[in-house]
Amino acid sequence: MAGPDGNKPDRMEPDFTRKVPDGDTVERSVCTRCGFIAYDNPKIVVGSVATAGQRILLCRRAINPRKGYWTLPAGYLEHKETAEDGAMREAREEACATLTIHQLLATYSIMHISQVQLMFRATLENPETIAPGPESEEVGLFEWDDIPWDELAFPSVAWALRHYHQVKDRDAFPPFTNPVEGL
């Protein structure tokens, strides 16, 4: 409907305030005009420990955070994407890699940055054609003893590698969670 001047009124922008909505227990951003609740929930990261024989795929990060450090192919899950599809997409984007996902290796809760990480065990289908994608400076296949442990980007990369190593010869195992100190 047109306003008094004949023009359509400008859309009202939301005006958010922080409060605990009725029936909730957590403070959230709530629109003072319409009551819309803007949920800010943890991000889901998906990735994989992808292997070719006894070698493990690692990517040297070309972006921050931790540019120049080695990581597993992983990244944020997209809307309308399964966790497995997201892990395969991330491997394609970061290492031009084609994967077969086998099973969930671990679920890590990274509370200080509000992330839940789902790491899968996978087989690399194209080890001869891996190459750096736009977010990687280089990619490589590493034997266990050659992994650059002092150059890993995040603690969860080391966790996933060690958890993989514990079950690499097993077909079935329960998924791991955050390790106890000292793992």
Protein backbone atom coordinates (compact mmCIF):
# COMPACT_ATOMS: atom_id res chain seq x y z
CA MET A 1 0.00 0.00 0.00
CA ALA A 2 1.22 3.49 -0.84
CA GLY A 3 1.92 6.09 1.82
CA PRO A 4 0.42 9.63 1.91
CA ASP A 5 2.95 10.85 -0.65
CA GLY A 6 1.95 8.10 -3.10
CA ASN A 7 5.18 6.14 -2.66
CA LYS A 8 5.56 2.76 -1.06
CA PRO A 9 6.83 3.10 2.49
CA ASP A 10 10.42 2.08 3.15
CA ARG A 11 10.75 -1.35 4.61
CA MET A 12 11.32 -1.15 8.31
CA GLU A 13 14.71 -2.47 9.27
CA PRO A 14 14.79 -4.82 12.25
CA ASP A 15 15.84 -3.35 15.56
CA PHE A 16 17.52 -6.02 17.65
CA THR A 17 18.07 -6.14 21.37
CA ARG A 18 19.70 -8.86 23.46
CA LYS A 19 17.33 -10.71 25.80
CA VAL A 20 16.17 -14.16 26.85
CA PRO A 21 13.06 -14.92 24.76
CA ASP A 22 10.01 -16.40 26.47
CA GLY A 23 10.43 -20.14 26.84
CA ASP A 24 14.18 -19.98 26.27
CA THR A 25 17.16 -20.04 28.62
CA VAL A 26 19.79 -18.29 26.50
CA GLU A 27 20.17 -14.60 25.73
CA ARG A 28 19.63 -13.97 22.01
CA SER A 29 19.13 -11.13 19.53
CA VAL A 30 15.38 -10.41 19.33
CA CYS A 31 13.71 -7.87 17.05
CA THR A 32 11.89 -5.29 19.16
CA ARG A 33 9.36 -4.69 16.35
CA CYS A 34 8.26 -8.20 15.38
CA GLY A 35 9.78 -10.57 17.95
CA PHE A 36 11.93 -12.43 15.38
CA ILE A 37 14.73 -14.35 17.11
CA ALA A 38 18.08 -14.29 15.31
CA TYR A 39 19.71 -17.52 16.43
CA ASP A 40 23.50 -17.53 16.40
CA ASN A 41 24.48 -21.17 16.65
CA PRO A 42 27.79 -23.00 16.26
CA LYS A 43 29.23 -23.55 12.80
CA ILE A 44 29.64 -27.08 11.49
CA VAL A 45 32.97 -27.98 9.91
CA VAL A 46 33.34 -31.13 7.83
CA GLY A 47 36.55 -32.76 6.73
CA SER A 48 38.42 -36.00 6.28
CA VAL A 49 41.52 -38.00 6.88
CA ALA A 50 41.90 -39.16 3.29
CA THR A 51 44.43 -41.84 2.46
CA ALA A 52 46.12 -43.34 -0.56
CA GLY A 53 47.61 -46.59 0.69
CA GLN A 54 49.59 -45.65 3.80
CA ARG A 55 49.88 -41.97 2.83
CA ILE A 56 47.64 -39.20 4.20
CA LEU A 57 46.50 -36.13 2.26
CA LEU A 58 47.47 -32.78 3.80
CA CYS A 59 47.03 -29.26 2.46
CA ARG A 60 49.22 -26.23 3.24
CA ARG A 61 46.84 -23.33 3.92
CA ALA A 62 46.96 -20.34 1.55
CA ILE A 63 44.52 -18.35 3.71
CA ASN A 64 44.23 -17.21 7.28
CA PRO A 65 43.83 -18.32 9.92
CA ARG A 66 47.13 -20.21 10.12
CA LYS A 67 48.28 -19.47 6.57
CA GLY A 68 51.29 -21.60 5.66
CA TYR A 69 50.46 -24.41 8.07
CA TRP A 70 49.35 -27.93 7.14
CA THR A 71 45.79 -29.14 7.60
CA LEU A 72 43.37 -31.82 6.55
CA PRO A 73 40.92 -30.88 3.79
CA ALA A 74 38.01 -29.40 5.74
CA GLY A 75 35.68 -26.42 5.87
CA TYR A 76 32.21 -25.17 6.65
CA LEU A 77 29.20 -27.27 5.77
CA GLU A 78 26.90 -25.52 3.29
CA HIS A 79 23.11 -25.31 3.48
CA LYS A 80 21.28 -28.30 1.96
CA GLU A 81 24.44 -30.41 1.91
CA THR A 82 25.07 -33.67 3.74
CA ALA A 83 28.12 -33.84 5.98
CA GLU A 84 29.64 -36.47 3.70
CA ASP A 85 29.01 -34.37 0.57
CA GLY A 86 30.54 -31.37 2.32
CA ALA A 87 33.69 -33.30 3.21
CA MET A 88 34.02 -34.47 -0.40
CA ARG A 89 33.46 -30.91 -1.70
CA GLU A 90 36.10 -29.50 0.64
CA ALA A 91 38.64 -32.07 -0.60
CA ARG A 92 37.83 -31.11 -4.22
CA GLU A 93 38.15 -27.38 -3.45
CA GLU A 94 41.34 -27.60 -1.42
CA ALA A 95 43.23 -30.42 -3.14
CA CYS A 96 41.42 -31.26 -6.41
CA ALA A 97 40.82 -34.59 -4.68
CA THR A 98 38.11 -37.15 -5.28
CA LEU A 99 37.18 -39.11 -2.16
CA THR A 100 35.20 -42.12 -1.13
CA ILE A 101 33.87 -41.50 2.38
CA HIS A 102 33.90 -44.58 4.61
CA GLN A 103 32.67 -43.58 8.06
CA LEU A 104 32.64 -40.93 10.71
CA LEU A 105 36.01 -40.85 12.46
CA ALA A 106 35.33 -38.20 15.09
CA THR A 107 33.13 -35.39 16.32
CA TYR A 108 35.05 -32.56 17.98
CA SER A 109 33.55 -29.68 19.94
CA ILE A 110 35.72 -26.58 19.65
CA MET A 111 33.97 -24.43 22.22
CA HIS A 112 36.17 -21.31 22.13
CA ILE A 113 35.21 -20.70 18.48
CA SER A 114 31.75 -22.32 18.59
CA GLN A 115 32.47 -25.07 16.07
CA VAL A 116 31.43 -28.67 15.79
CA GLN A 117 33.81 -30.59 13.57
CA LEU A 118 32.80 -33.82 11.84
CA MET A 119 35.84 -35.69 10.55
CA PHE A 120 35.48 -38.70 8.27
CA ARG A 121 37.78 -41.52 7.25
CA ALA A 122 38.10 -41.57 3.46
CA THR A 123 40.03 -43.03 0.55
CA LEU A 124 41.65 -40.74 -2.00
CA GLU A 125 40.59 -41.93 -5.47
CA ASN A 126 42.95 -39.76 -7.55
CA PRO A 127 46.31 -39.53 -5.75
CA GLU A 128 48.18 -38.92 -9.01
CA THR A 129 46.21 -35.76 -9.86
CA ILE A 130 45.84 -33.92 -6.55
CA ALA A 131 46.77 -30.26 -6.81
CA PRO A 132 46.37 -27.11 -4.72
CA GLY A 133 43.00 -25.41 -4.92
CA PRO A 134 42.53 -21.67 -4.26
CA GLU A 135 42.77 -22.11 -0.46
CA SER A 136 45.94 -24.23 -0.54
CA GLU A 137 49.56 -23.29 -1.26
CA GLU A 138 50.48 -26.92 -1.80
CA VAL A 139 49.18 -30.42 -1.15
CA GLY A 140 51.01 -33.59 -0.31
CA LEU A 141 50.69 -37.23 0.61
CA PHE A 142 52.55 -38.04 3.81
CA GLU A 143 53.68 -41.30 5.38
CA TRP A 144 52.94 -41.36 9.13
CA ASP A 145 56.57 -40.69 10.10
CA ASP A 146 56.80 -37.75 7.68
CA ILE A 147 53.79 -35.76 8.90
CA PRO A 148 54.96 -32.20 9.76
CA TRP A 149 53.61 -32.35 13.33
CA ASP A 150 55.16 -29.00 14.33
CA GLU A 151 53.55 -27.30 11.34
CA LEU A 152 49.92 -28.46 11.76
CA ALA A 153 47.41 -25.63 11.64
CA PHE A 154 45.02 -26.66 14.42
CA PRO A 155 44.94 -29.03 17.40
CA SER A 156 41.97 -30.87 15.88
CA VAL A 157 44.12 -31.80 12.86
CA ALA A 158 46.55 -33.61 15.17
CA TRP A 159 43.64 -35.20 17.04
CA ALA A 160 42.09 -36.53 13.83
CA LEU A 161 45.42 -37.87 12.57
CA ARG A 162 46.12 -39.67 15.85
CA HIS A 163 42.59 -41.01 16.06
CA TYR A 164 42.85 -42.26 12.48
CA HIS A 165 46.15 -43.96 13.28
CA GLN A 166 44.54 -45.81 16.22
CA VAL A 167 41.87 -47.39 13.98
CA LYS A 168 43.46 -47.43 10.53
CA ASP A 169 43.37 -51.23 10.38
CA ARG A 170 39.84 -51.58 11.73
CA ASP A 171 36.63 -51.61 9.73
CA ALA A 172 34.36 -50.66 12.63
CA PHE A 173 34.86 -48.40 15.64
CA PRO A 174 32.86 -45.84 17.59
CA PRO A 175 33.59 -42.24 16.55
CA PHE A 176 36.10 -40.39 18.69
CA THR A 177 35.44 -37.15 20.57
CA ASN A 178 37.71 -34.46 21.97
CA PRO A 179 40.77 -36.15 23.45
CA VAL A 180 41.71 -36.02 27.08
CA GLU A 181 44.72 -33.77 27.75
CA GLY A 182 47.99 -35.26 26.66
CA LEU A 183 46.85 -37.34 23.69
